[in-house]
N, C-alpha and C. Protein backbone atom coordinates (compact mmCIF):
# COMPACT_ATOMS: atom_id res chain seq x y z
N MET A 1 0.85 -1.19 0.00
CA MET A 1 0.00 0.00 0.00
C MET A 1 0.89 1.24 0.00
N ALA A 2 0.81 2.01 -1.06
CA ALA A 2 1.69 3.18 -1.21
C ALA A 2 1.31 4.29 -0.26
N ARG A 3 2.32 4.99 0.23
CA ARG A 3 2.08 6.17 1.07
C ARG A 3 3.27 7.10 0.98
N ASN A 4 3.05 8.34 1.28
CA ASN A 4 4.10 9.36 1.20
C ASN A 4 4.90 9.36 2.50
N LEU A 5 6.20 9.11 2.41
CA LEU A 5 7.05 9.02 3.59
C LEU A 5 7.80 10.32 3.88
N THR A 6 7.52 11.38 3.12
CA THR A 6 8.15 12.67 3.39
C THR A 6 7.71 13.19 4.76
N PRO A 7 8.64 13.72 5.57
CA PRO A 7 8.26 14.24 6.90
C PRO A 7 7.08 15.20 6.82
N ILE A 8 6.11 15.02 7.72
CA ILE A 8 4.88 15.81 7.65
C ILE A 8 5.13 17.29 7.90
N GLY A 9 6.17 17.61 8.68
CA GLY A 9 6.50 19.01 8.90
C GLY A 9 6.95 19.68 7.62
N LYS A 10 7.73 18.96 6.82
CA LYS A 10 8.23 19.49 5.54
C LYS A 10 7.07 19.69 4.56
N LEU A 11 6.16 18.71 4.52
CA LEU A 11 5.00 18.84 3.64
C LEU A 11 4.11 20.02 4.06
N SER A 12 3.94 20.19 5.35
CA SER A 12 3.11 21.28 5.86
C SER A 12 3.70 22.64 5.49
N ARG A 13 5.03 22.74 5.59
CA ARG A 13 5.69 24.00 5.22
C ARG A 13 5.52 24.27 3.73
N ARG A 14 5.60 23.21 2.94
CA ARG A 14 5.46 23.38 1.49
C ARG A 14 4.07 23.86 1.11
N GLU A 15 3.05 23.32 1.79
CA GLU A 15 1.66 23.67 1.46
C GLU A 15 1.15 24.87 2.24
N GLY A 16 1.86 25.24 3.29
CA GLY A 16 1.46 26.42 4.06
C GLY A 16 0.29 26.20 4.99
N VAL A 17 -0.05 24.93 5.27
CA VAL A 17 -1.13 24.62 6.20
C VAL A 17 -0.69 23.47 7.11
N GLN A 18 -1.32 23.35 8.26
CA GLN A 18 -0.97 22.31 9.21
C GLN A 18 -1.64 21.00 8.79
N LEU A 19 -0.85 20.05 8.29
CA LEU A 19 -1.37 18.78 7.81
C LEU A 19 -1.43 17.73 8.91
N HIS A 20 -0.87 18.05 10.07
CA HIS A 20 -0.81 17.10 11.19
C HIS A 20 -0.62 17.92 12.46
N PRO A 21 -1.16 17.48 13.60
CA PRO A 21 -0.98 18.25 14.85
C PRO A 21 0.48 18.53 15.17
N LYS A 22 1.38 17.61 14.83
CA LYS A 22 2.80 17.80 15.13
C LYS A 22 3.45 18.85 14.25
N ALA A 23 2.80 19.21 13.15
CA ALA A 23 3.40 20.15 12.21
C ALA A 23 3.36 21.58 12.70
N VAL A 24 2.65 21.85 13.78
CA VAL A 24 2.53 23.22 14.26
C VAL A 24 3.89 23.80 14.64
N LYS A 25 4.79 22.96 15.17
CA LYS A 25 6.12 23.44 15.55
C LYS A 25 6.93 23.84 14.31
N ALA A 26 6.84 23.00 13.28
CA ALA A 26 7.58 23.30 12.05
C ALA A 26 7.10 24.60 11.42
N LEU A 27 5.80 24.83 11.43
CA LEU A 27 5.25 26.05 10.84
C LEU A 27 5.56 27.27 11.68
N THR A 28 5.66 27.08 12.99
CA THR A 28 5.98 28.20 13.88
C THR A 28 7.44 28.64 13.73
N ARG A 29 8.32 27.65 13.65
CA ARG A 29 9.75 27.96 13.55
C ARG A 29 10.13 28.50 12.17
N ARG A 30 9.60 27.85 11.12
CA ARG A 30 9.97 28.23 9.76
C ARG A 30 8.72 28.22 8.88
N ASN A 31 8.04 29.32 8.86
CA ASN A 31 6.79 29.41 8.12
C ASN A 31 7.03 29.79 6.66
N TYR A 32 7.81 28.96 5.99
CA TYR A 32 8.07 29.16 4.57
C TYR A 32 8.43 27.81 3.96
N ALA A 33 8.43 27.72 2.63
CA ALA A 33 8.68 26.45 1.95
C ALA A 33 10.08 25.92 2.26
N PRO A 34 10.27 24.60 2.31
CA PRO A 34 11.58 24.04 2.58
C PRO A 34 12.53 24.22 1.41
N GLY A 35 13.81 23.96 1.64
CA GLY A 35 14.80 24.09 0.58
C GLY A 35 15.55 25.40 0.64
N GLN A 36 16.66 25.48 -0.10
CA GLN A 36 17.51 26.67 -0.02
C GLN A 36 16.84 27.92 -0.60
N HIS A 37 15.82 27.73 -1.42
CA HIS A 37 15.12 28.88 -2.00
C HIS A 37 13.76 29.12 -1.34
N GLY A 38 13.55 28.51 -0.20
CA GLY A 38 12.25 28.62 0.46
C GLY A 38 11.86 30.02 0.85
N GLN A 39 12.85 30.86 1.17
CA GLN A 39 12.56 32.23 1.60
C GLN A 39 12.70 33.24 0.46
N ALA A 40 13.08 32.77 -0.71
CA ALA A 40 13.30 33.68 -1.83
C ALA A 40 11.98 34.29 -2.29
N ARG A 41 12.05 35.51 -2.77
CA ARG A 41 10.88 36.16 -3.33
C ARG A 41 10.52 35.47 -4.63
N ARG A 42 9.27 35.14 -4.77
CA ARG A 42 8.83 34.42 -5.96
C ARG A 42 7.86 35.29 -6.76
N PRO A 43 7.87 35.14 -8.08
CA PRO A 43 6.90 35.90 -8.90
C PRO A 43 5.49 35.38 -8.62
N LYS A 44 4.51 36.16 -9.01
CA LYS A 44 3.12 35.75 -8.83
C LYS A 44 2.89 34.42 -9.55
N PRO A 45 2.36 33.40 -8.85
CA PRO A 45 2.18 32.09 -9.49
C PRO A 45 1.13 32.13 -10.59
N SER A 46 1.31 31.28 -11.58
CA SER A 46 0.34 31.17 -12.66
C SER A 46 -0.91 30.46 -12.15
N ASP A 47 -1.97 30.50 -12.95
CA ASP A 47 -3.20 29.78 -12.58
C ASP A 47 -2.92 28.30 -12.41
N TYR A 48 -2.09 27.75 -13.30
CA TYR A 48 -1.74 26.33 -13.21
C TYR A 48 -1.04 26.02 -11.89
N ALA A 49 -0.11 26.88 -11.49
CA ALA A 49 0.63 26.66 -10.25
C ALA A 49 -0.30 26.70 -9.04
N VAL A 50 -1.24 27.61 -9.03
CA VAL A 50 -2.20 27.73 -7.92
C VAL A 50 -3.05 26.47 -7.84
N GLN A 51 -3.53 26.01 -8.99
CA GLN A 51 -4.35 24.79 -9.03
C GLN A 51 -3.55 23.58 -8.59
N LEU A 52 -2.30 23.49 -9.03
CA LEU A 52 -1.44 22.36 -8.66
C LEU A 52 -1.21 22.32 -7.16
N ARG A 53 -0.92 23.46 -6.57
CA ARG A 53 -0.66 23.50 -5.13
C ARG A 53 -1.91 23.10 -4.34
N GLU A 54 -3.08 23.51 -4.81
CA GLU A 54 -4.32 23.16 -4.11
C GLU A 54 -4.53 21.65 -4.18
N LYS A 55 -4.29 21.07 -5.34
CA LYS A 55 -4.42 19.63 -5.50
C LYS A 55 -3.46 18.88 -4.59
N GLN A 56 -2.21 19.32 -4.56
CA GLN A 56 -1.21 18.67 -3.72
C GLN A 56 -1.56 18.79 -2.24
N LYS A 57 -2.06 19.95 -1.86
CA LYS A 57 -2.42 20.19 -0.46
C LYS A 57 -3.51 19.22 0.00
N VAL A 58 -4.56 19.08 -0.80
CA VAL A 58 -5.68 18.23 -0.41
C VAL A 58 -5.28 16.76 -0.44
N LYS A 59 -4.49 16.36 -1.43
CA LYS A 59 -3.97 14.99 -1.49
C LYS A 59 -3.23 14.65 -0.20
N ARG A 60 -2.37 15.54 0.23
CA ARG A 60 -1.54 15.30 1.40
C ARG A 60 -2.35 15.40 2.68
N LEU A 61 -3.36 16.25 2.68
CA LEU A 61 -4.21 16.39 3.86
C LEU A 61 -4.93 15.08 4.16
N TYR A 62 -5.45 14.43 3.11
CA TYR A 62 -6.21 13.20 3.29
C TYR A 62 -5.35 11.94 3.13
N GLY A 63 -4.07 12.09 2.81
CA GLY A 63 -3.19 10.95 2.71
C GLY A 63 -3.48 10.06 1.52
N VAL A 64 -3.77 10.67 0.37
CA VAL A 64 -4.13 9.93 -0.84
C VAL A 64 -3.05 10.13 -1.89
N MET A 65 -2.70 9.05 -2.61
CA MET A 65 -1.72 9.14 -3.68
C MET A 65 -2.39 9.59 -4.98
N GLU A 66 -1.57 9.96 -5.96
CA GLU A 66 -2.08 10.58 -7.19
C GLU A 66 -3.08 9.72 -7.95
N LYS A 67 -2.76 8.46 -8.16
CA LYS A 67 -3.63 7.59 -8.97
C LYS A 67 -5.02 7.48 -8.34
N GLN A 68 -5.06 7.28 -7.03
CA GLN A 68 -6.34 7.16 -6.34
C GLN A 68 -7.07 8.49 -6.31
N PHE A 69 -6.33 9.58 -6.14
CA PHE A 69 -6.95 10.90 -6.10
C PHE A 69 -7.60 11.23 -7.44
N ARG A 70 -6.94 10.86 -8.52
CA ARG A 70 -7.51 11.09 -9.85
C ARG A 70 -8.82 10.32 -10.02
N ARG A 71 -8.88 9.11 -9.46
CA ARG A 71 -10.11 8.32 -9.54
C ARG A 71 -11.24 9.01 -8.77
N TYR A 72 -10.90 9.62 -7.63
CA TYR A 72 -11.91 10.35 -6.87
C TYR A 72 -12.46 11.51 -7.70
N VAL A 73 -11.57 12.22 -8.38
CA VAL A 73 -12.01 13.35 -9.20
C VAL A 73 -12.91 12.87 -10.33
N THR A 74 -12.54 11.78 -10.98
CA THR A 74 -13.35 11.22 -12.07
C THR A 74 -14.74 10.83 -11.57
N GLU A 75 -14.79 10.20 -10.39
CA GLU A 75 -16.08 9.81 -9.82
C GLU A 75 -16.89 11.04 -9.42
N ALA A 76 -16.22 12.05 -8.88
CA ALA A 76 -16.92 13.28 -8.48
C ALA A 76 -17.56 13.97 -9.67
N GLU A 77 -16.87 13.96 -10.81
CA GLU A 77 -17.40 14.59 -12.02
C GLU A 77 -18.53 13.76 -12.63
N ARG A 78 -18.50 12.47 -12.41
CA ARG A 78 -19.54 11.59 -12.95
C ARG A 78 -20.86 11.76 -12.20
N ARG A 79 -20.80 12.07 -10.92
CA ARG A 79 -22.00 12.16 -10.10
C ARG A 79 -22.76 13.47 -10.35
N ASP A 80 -24.05 13.46 -10.04
CA ASP A 80 -24.85 14.67 -10.14
C ASP A 80 -24.42 15.67 -9.07
N GLY A 81 -24.61 16.93 -9.33
CA GLY A 81 -24.27 17.96 -8.35
C GLY A 81 -22.97 18.67 -8.69
N VAL A 82 -22.46 19.43 -7.74
CA VAL A 82 -21.23 20.20 -7.92
C VAL A 82 -20.03 19.27 -7.75
N SER A 83 -19.19 19.21 -8.76
CA SER A 83 -18.07 18.26 -8.76
C SER A 83 -17.13 18.46 -7.57
N GLY A 84 -16.83 19.71 -7.23
CA GLY A 84 -15.93 19.98 -6.12
C GLY A 84 -16.48 19.47 -4.80
N GLU A 85 -17.76 19.70 -4.57
CA GLU A 85 -18.38 19.23 -3.34
C GLU A 85 -18.47 17.70 -3.32
N ASN A 86 -18.71 17.11 -4.49
CA ASN A 86 -18.73 15.65 -4.59
C ASN A 86 -17.37 15.07 -4.21
N LEU A 87 -16.31 15.74 -4.65
CA LEU A 87 -14.95 15.28 -4.35
C LEU A 87 -14.69 15.30 -2.85
N LEU A 88 -15.04 16.40 -2.21
CA LEU A 88 -14.82 16.49 -0.76
C LEU A 88 -15.67 15.46 -0.02
N ARG A 89 -16.87 15.19 -0.52
CA ARG A 89 -17.73 14.19 0.12
C ARG A 89 -17.09 12.80 0.05
N LEU A 90 -16.52 12.47 -1.09
CA LEU A 90 -15.86 11.17 -1.25
C LEU A 90 -14.66 11.05 -0.30
N LEU A 91 -13.91 12.13 -0.16
CA LEU A 91 -12.75 12.11 0.73
C LEU A 91 -13.18 12.01 2.20
N GLU A 92 -14.22 12.74 2.56
CA GLU A 92 -14.70 12.72 3.94
C GLU A 92 -15.27 11.36 4.33
N GLN A 93 -15.81 10.63 3.35
CA GLN A 93 -16.44 9.35 3.66
C GLN A 93 -15.47 8.18 3.64
N ARG A 94 -14.19 8.46 3.47
CA ARG A 94 -13.18 7.40 3.63
C ARG A 94 -13.19 6.92 5.08
N LEU A 95 -12.99 5.63 5.28
CA LEU A 95 -13.04 5.07 6.63
C LEU A 95 -12.00 5.69 7.55
N ASP A 96 -10.77 5.89 7.06
CA ASP A 96 -9.75 6.46 7.94
C ASP A 96 -10.10 7.88 8.35
N ASN A 97 -10.70 8.65 7.44
CA ASN A 97 -11.11 10.01 7.79
C ASN A 97 -12.24 10.00 8.82
N VAL A 98 -13.16 9.05 8.69
CA VAL A 98 -14.27 8.95 9.64
C VAL A 98 -13.75 8.62 11.04
N VAL A 99 -12.79 7.70 11.13
CA VAL A 99 -12.18 7.37 12.43
C VAL A 99 -11.57 8.62 13.04
N TYR A 100 -10.91 9.42 12.22
CA TYR A 100 -10.31 10.68 12.69
C TYR A 100 -11.38 11.68 13.10
N ARG A 101 -12.40 11.86 12.27
CA ARG A 101 -13.46 12.83 12.57
C ARG A 101 -14.24 12.46 13.83
N LEU A 102 -14.34 11.17 14.13
CA LEU A 102 -15.03 10.74 15.34
C LEU A 102 -14.22 11.04 16.60
N GLY A 103 -12.93 11.33 16.44
CA GLY A 103 -12.08 11.58 17.59
C GLY A 103 -11.42 10.33 18.14
N LEU A 104 -11.47 9.24 17.38
CA LEU A 104 -10.84 7.99 17.81
C LEU A 104 -9.35 7.97 17.49
N ALA A 105 -8.87 8.96 16.74
CA ALA A 105 -7.46 9.10 16.41
C ALA A 105 -7.10 10.58 16.40
N THR A 106 -5.85 10.88 16.69
CA THR A 106 -5.42 12.28 16.78
C THR A 106 -5.11 12.88 15.41
N SER A 107 -4.98 12.04 14.40
CA SER A 107 -4.68 12.52 13.05
C SER A 107 -5.17 11.49 12.03
N ARG A 108 -5.25 11.89 10.79
CA ARG A 108 -5.65 10.96 9.74
C ARG A 108 -4.59 9.87 9.55
N GLN A 109 -3.33 10.24 9.77
CA GLN A 109 -2.27 9.24 9.65
C GLN A 109 -2.42 8.16 10.71
N ALA A 110 -2.75 8.58 11.94
CA ALA A 110 -2.95 7.61 13.02
C ALA A 110 -4.19 6.76 12.75
N ALA A 111 -5.23 7.38 12.21
CA ALA A 111 -6.45 6.64 11.89
C ALA A 111 -6.18 5.61 10.81
N ARG A 112 -5.40 5.99 9.81
CA ARG A 112 -5.03 5.05 8.74
C ARG A 112 -4.31 3.84 9.31
N GLN A 113 -3.40 4.08 10.25
CA GLN A 113 -2.66 2.98 10.86
C GLN A 113 -3.57 2.07 11.68
N MET A 114 -4.53 2.68 12.39
CA MET A 114 -5.49 1.87 13.15
C MET A 114 -6.26 0.92 12.24
N VAL A 115 -6.66 1.45 11.09
CA VAL A 115 -7.45 0.62 10.15
C VAL A 115 -6.59 -0.48 9.55
N THR A 116 -5.40 -0.13 9.07
CA THR A 116 -4.54 -1.13 8.43
C THR A 116 -4.08 -2.20 9.41
N HIS A 117 -4.01 -1.88 10.69
CA HIS A 117 -3.62 -2.87 11.71
C HIS A 117 -4.83 -3.60 12.28
N ALA A 118 -6.00 -3.39 11.64
CA ALA A 118 -7.23 -4.13 11.97
C ALA A 118 -7.72 -3.89 13.40
N HIS A 119 -7.53 -2.67 13.90
CA HIS A 119 -8.08 -2.32 15.21
C HIS A 119 -9.52 -1.83 15.11
N ILE A 120 -10.00 -1.59 13.89
CA ILE A 120 -11.32 -1.01 13.67
C ILE A 120 -12.26 -2.04 13.05
N ARG A 121 -13.51 -2.02 13.50
CA ARG A 121 -14.54 -2.87 12.93
C ARG A 121 -15.58 -1.99 12.24
N LEU A 122 -16.00 -2.41 11.06
CA LEU A 122 -17.05 -1.71 10.31
C LEU A 122 -18.26 -2.63 10.25
N ASN A 123 -19.35 -2.19 10.87
CA ASN A 123 -20.57 -3.01 10.97
C ASN A 123 -20.27 -4.38 11.55
N GLY A 124 -19.33 -4.41 12.53
CA GLY A 124 -19.00 -5.65 13.22
C GLY A 124 -18.03 -6.54 12.49
N LYS A 125 -17.57 -6.13 11.30
CA LYS A 125 -16.69 -6.96 10.50
C LYS A 125 -15.27 -6.39 10.45
N LYS A 126 -14.31 -7.28 10.33
CA LYS A 126 -12.91 -6.88 10.24
C LYS A 126 -12.66 -6.14 8.92
N VAL A 127 -11.97 -5.03 9.00
CA VAL A 127 -11.58 -4.28 7.80
C VAL A 127 -10.14 -3.80 7.98
N ASP A 128 -9.41 -3.70 6.89
CA ASP A 128 -8.04 -3.18 6.96
C ASP A 128 -7.71 -2.31 5.75
N VAL A 129 -8.77 -1.76 5.12
CA VAL A 129 -8.60 -0.90 3.95
C VAL A 129 -9.07 0.51 4.30
N PRO A 130 -8.15 1.47 4.46
CA PRO A 130 -8.52 2.83 4.88
C PRO A 130 -9.45 3.56 3.93
N SER A 131 -9.44 3.20 2.64
CA SER A 131 -10.21 3.95 1.64
C SER A 131 -11.65 3.49 1.50
N ILE A 132 -12.08 2.50 2.27
CA ILE A 132 -13.47 2.04 2.19
C ILE A 132 -14.42 3.23 2.39
N GLN A 133 -15.44 3.32 1.55
CA GLN A 133 -16.42 4.40 1.65
C GLN A 133 -17.54 3.99 2.61
N VAL A 134 -17.79 4.82 3.62
CA VAL A 134 -18.88 4.54 4.56
C VAL A 134 -20.16 5.19 4.04
N LYS A 135 -21.27 4.75 4.59
CA LYS A 135 -22.58 5.30 4.19
C LYS A 135 -23.46 5.41 5.42
N ALA A 136 -24.57 6.10 5.27
CA ALA A 136 -25.50 6.29 6.39
C ALA A 136 -25.94 4.93 6.94
N GLY A 137 -25.90 4.81 8.26
CA GLY A 137 -26.29 3.58 8.92
C GLY A 137 -25.12 2.72 9.32
N ASP A 138 -23.94 2.98 8.78
CA ASP A 138 -22.76 2.20 9.14
C ASP A 138 -22.32 2.50 10.58
N THR A 139 -21.77 1.49 11.24
CA THR A 139 -21.21 1.66 12.57
C THR A 139 -19.72 1.37 12.52
N ILE A 140 -18.97 2.21 13.21
CA ILE A 140 -17.51 2.07 13.27
C ILE A 140 -17.13 1.95 14.74
N GLU A 141 -16.36 0.95 15.10
CA GLU A 141 -15.98 0.78 16.50
C GLU A 141 -14.60 0.17 16.63
N VAL A 142 -13.98 0.40 17.77
CA VAL A 142 -12.69 -0.22 18.06
C VAL A 142 -12.93 -1.68 18.40
N LYS A 143 -12.09 -2.55 17.86
CA LYS A 143 -12.21 -3.99 18.12
C LYS A 143 -12.14 -4.25 19.62
N GLU A 144 -12.97 -5.17 20.10
CA GLU A 144 -13.09 -5.41 21.53
C GLU A 144 -11.74 -5.74 22.18
N SER A 145 -10.97 -6.62 21.55
CA SER A 145 -9.67 -6.99 22.14
C SER A 145 -8.68 -5.84 22.12
N SER A 146 -8.82 -4.93 21.16
CA SER A 146 -7.90 -3.79 21.07
C SER A 146 -8.15 -2.77 22.16
N LYS A 147 -9.36 -2.75 22.74
CA LYS A 147 -9.69 -1.78 23.77
C LYS A 147 -8.82 -1.94 25.02
N LYS A 148 -8.18 -3.11 25.16
CA LYS A 148 -7.32 -3.36 26.32
C LYS A 148 -5.90 -2.84 26.11
N LYS A 149 -5.58 -2.47 24.90
CA LYS A 149 -4.24 -1.96 24.60
C LYS A 149 -4.08 -0.55 25.17
N PRO A 150 -2.85 -0.21 25.61
CA PRO A 150 -2.60 1.09 26.24
C PRO A 150 -3.12 2.29 25.43
N LEU A 151 -2.96 2.24 24.12
CA LEU A 151 -3.40 3.35 23.27
C LEU A 151 -4.88 3.62 23.45
N PHE A 152 -5.68 2.58 23.44
CA PHE A 152 -7.14 2.75 23.51
C PHE A 152 -7.63 2.93 24.94
N VAL A 153 -6.88 2.40 25.91
CA VAL A 153 -7.21 2.66 27.32
C VAL A 153 -7.04 4.15 27.60
N GLU A 154 -5.94 4.71 27.10
CA GLU A 154 -5.70 6.15 27.26
C GLU A 154 -6.75 6.97 26.53
N LEU A 155 -7.12 6.52 25.32
CA LEU A 155 -8.14 7.21 24.54
C LEU A 155 -9.47 7.24 25.29
N ALA A 156 -9.85 6.11 25.90
CA ALA A 156 -11.11 6.03 26.64
C ALA A 156 -11.10 7.02 27.81
N GLU A 157 -9.96 7.15 28.47
CA GLU A 157 -9.85 8.09 29.60
C GLU A 157 -9.97 9.53 29.12
N GLN A 158 -9.37 9.83 27.99
CA GLN A 158 -9.44 11.18 27.43
C GLN A 158 -10.86 11.55 27.04
N LEU A 159 -11.58 10.58 26.46
CA LEU A 159 -12.95 10.85 26.03
C LEU A 159 -13.90 11.04 27.20
N LYS A 160 -13.55 10.47 28.35
CA LYS A 160 -14.38 10.67 29.55
C LYS A 160 -14.34 12.13 30.01
N SER A 161 -13.19 12.75 29.88
CA SER A 161 -13.02 14.12 30.38
C SER A 161 -13.34 15.18 29.34
N ALA A 162 -13.18 14.83 28.05
CA ALA A 162 -13.44 15.82 26.99
C ALA A 162 -13.97 15.12 25.76
N THR A 163 -15.24 15.32 25.48
CA THR A 163 -15.85 14.73 24.30
C THR A 163 -15.54 15.57 23.07
N PRO A 164 -14.93 14.98 22.05
CA PRO A 164 -14.58 15.77 20.86
C PRO A 164 -15.82 16.23 20.10
N GLU A 165 -15.67 17.34 19.40
CA GLU A 165 -16.77 17.84 18.58
C GLU A 165 -16.76 17.09 17.25
N THR A 166 -17.85 16.42 16.94
CA THR A 166 -17.92 15.64 15.72
C THR A 166 -18.83 16.33 14.70
N PRO A 167 -18.61 16.05 13.41
CA PRO A 167 -19.48 16.64 12.37
C PRO A 167 -20.93 16.19 12.56
N SER A 168 -21.85 16.92 11.95
CA SER A 168 -23.28 16.65 12.12
C SER A 168 -23.69 15.29 11.57
N TRP A 169 -22.91 14.73 10.66
CA TRP A 169 -23.28 13.46 10.03
C TRP A 169 -22.71 12.24 10.75
N LEU A 170 -22.04 12.48 11.89
CA LEU A 170 -21.47 11.39 12.68
C LEU A 170 -21.93 11.50 14.14
N LYS A 171 -22.08 10.37 14.79
CA LYS A 171 -22.47 10.34 16.19
C LYS A 171 -21.52 9.42 16.95
N LEU A 172 -20.93 9.93 18.01
CA LEU A 172 -19.93 9.18 18.78
C LEU A 172 -20.49 8.67 20.09
N ASP A 173 -20.20 7.41 20.41
CA ASP A 173 -20.51 6.81 21.71
C ASP A 173 -19.19 6.64 22.44
N THR A 174 -18.88 7.56 23.36
CA THR A 174 -17.58 7.55 24.02
C THR A 174 -17.36 6.32 24.89
N LYS A 175 -18.42 5.78 25.47
CA LYS A 175 -18.28 4.62 26.35
C LYS A 175 -17.90 3.36 25.56
N LYS A 176 -18.43 3.23 24.36
CA LYS A 176 -18.17 2.04 23.55
C LYS A 176 -17.02 2.23 22.56
N LEU A 177 -16.45 3.44 22.51
CA LEU A 177 -15.44 3.77 21.50
C LEU A 177 -15.98 3.40 20.11
N ALA A 178 -17.17 3.88 19.83
CA ALA A 178 -17.84 3.55 18.58
C ALA A 178 -18.57 4.77 18.06
N GLY A 179 -18.84 4.74 16.76
CA GLY A 179 -19.57 5.83 16.14
C GLY A 179 -20.52 5.32 15.09
N THR A 180 -21.49 6.15 14.74
CA THR A 180 -22.48 5.81 13.74
C THR A 180 -22.53 6.90 12.68
N VAL A 181 -22.65 6.48 11.43
CA VAL A 181 -22.81 7.43 10.32
C VAL A 181 -24.30 7.71 10.19
N THR A 182 -24.70 8.94 10.47
CA THR A 182 -26.12 9.28 10.47
C THR A 182 -26.60 9.94 9.19
N GLY A 183 -25.67 10.29 8.31
CA GLY A 183 -26.06 10.95 7.06
C GLY A 183 -24.87 11.08 6.14
N ALA A 184 -24.85 12.12 5.35
CA ALA A 184 -23.74 12.36 4.41
C ALA A 184 -23.14 13.73 4.71
N PRO A 185 -21.83 13.87 4.54
CA PRO A 185 -21.19 15.17 4.81
C PRO A 185 -21.60 16.23 3.80
N VAL A 186 -21.64 17.47 4.25
CA VAL A 186 -21.90 18.61 3.37
C VAL A 186 -20.64 19.45 3.32
N ARG A 187 -20.64 20.47 2.47
CA ARG A 187 -19.43 21.28 2.26
C ARG A 187 -18.89 21.85 3.56
N ASP A 188 -19.73 22.31 4.44
CA ASP A 188 -19.27 22.93 5.68
C ASP A 188 -18.58 21.96 6.63
N ASP A 189 -18.71 20.66 6.37
CA ASP A 189 -18.05 19.66 7.21
C ASP A 189 -16.58 19.48 6.86
N SER A 190 -16.15 20.02 5.72
CA SER A 190 -14.75 19.93 5.31
C SER A 190 -14.01 21.18 5.75
N ASP A 191 -12.69 21.11 5.73
CA ASP A 191 -11.87 22.26 6.14
C ASP A 191 -12.14 23.47 5.25
N ASN A 192 -12.29 24.62 5.88
CA ASN A 192 -12.70 25.80 5.11
C ASN A 192 -11.56 26.42 4.30
N PHE A 193 -10.32 25.95 4.48
CA PHE A 193 -9.22 26.51 3.69
C PHE A 193 -9.04 25.78 2.35
N ILE A 194 -9.89 24.81 2.07
CA ILE A 194 -9.81 24.07 0.81
C ILE A 194 -10.61 24.81 -0.27
N GLU A 195 -10.01 24.99 -1.43
CA GLU A 195 -10.69 25.57 -2.59
C GLU A 195 -10.84 24.47 -3.64
N GLU A 196 -11.87 23.66 -3.45
CA GLU A 196 -12.02 22.44 -4.25
C GLU A 196 -12.20 22.69 -5.75
N GLN A 197 -12.76 23.84 -6.11
CA GLN A 197 -12.99 24.11 -7.53
C GLN A 197 -11.68 24.21 -8.30
N LEU A 198 -10.61 24.66 -7.62
CA LEU A 198 -9.31 24.74 -8.27
C LEU A 198 -8.82 23.35 -8.68
N ILE A 199 -9.16 22.36 -7.88
CA ILE A 199 -8.73 20.98 -8.18
C ILE A 199 -9.46 20.46 -9.40
N ILE A 200 -10.76 20.73 -9.47
CA ILE A 200 -11.53 20.30 -10.64
C ILE A 200 -11.00 20.97 -11.90
N GLU A 201 -10.66 22.25 -11.79
CA GLU A 201 -10.11 22.98 -12.93
C GLU A 201 -8.76 22.41 -13.36
N PHE A 202 -7.96 21.98 -12.38
CA PHE A 202 -6.65 21.40 -12.68
C PHE A 202 -6.78 20.17 -13.56
N TYR A 203 -7.71 19.29 -13.20
CA TYR A 203 -7.87 18.05 -13.95
C TYR A 203 -8.69 18.24 -15.24
N SER A 204 -9.27 19.40 -15.39
CA SER A 204 -10.07 19.67 -16.60
C SER A 204 -9.26 20.31 -17.71
N ARG A 205 -7.99 20.56 -17.44
CA ARG A 205 -7.13 21.26 -18.42
C ARG A 205 -6.91 20.39 -19.66
């Protein structure tokens, strides 16, 4: 299973947004692109460059590689409605993103690892594919035997003292370390710094 092994702090500096909670230090210390020319004055970027950077940012935010991301765009354009919003909906409905949005993981990267290591059950069944698309009525929960592991014991204690804010289309049961998909995500459920139309324009060239 392909994944980007570039340090998340470096990627965050390149895209100018925090792609992981740990990246806040990198952005605070050096809030400019990496490399020897990172601080150099650059000419105004072309439309293509702006679209490319937006595409790269969203790919890295959700942890998706190029081939799979292109398939998401193709599917988003095939569906009825606004293509950009369709794209964000497909990304939000990935299983690893749902685990993250429920507050069962501190980052999408951690959620992806939970899924690939089979700590998560979908509708009571074993799954290890982070890209599985969830739908209304699905239940996501931590595997019963995994709840005894230190990571999930600590998570259960944290959820007792502070319940995370979840999107309107998800419902979390902190006692069971489980969540339910109650609907479908809308545009406001995605990060507001994303300009999804630029991505559609990039692939439409």
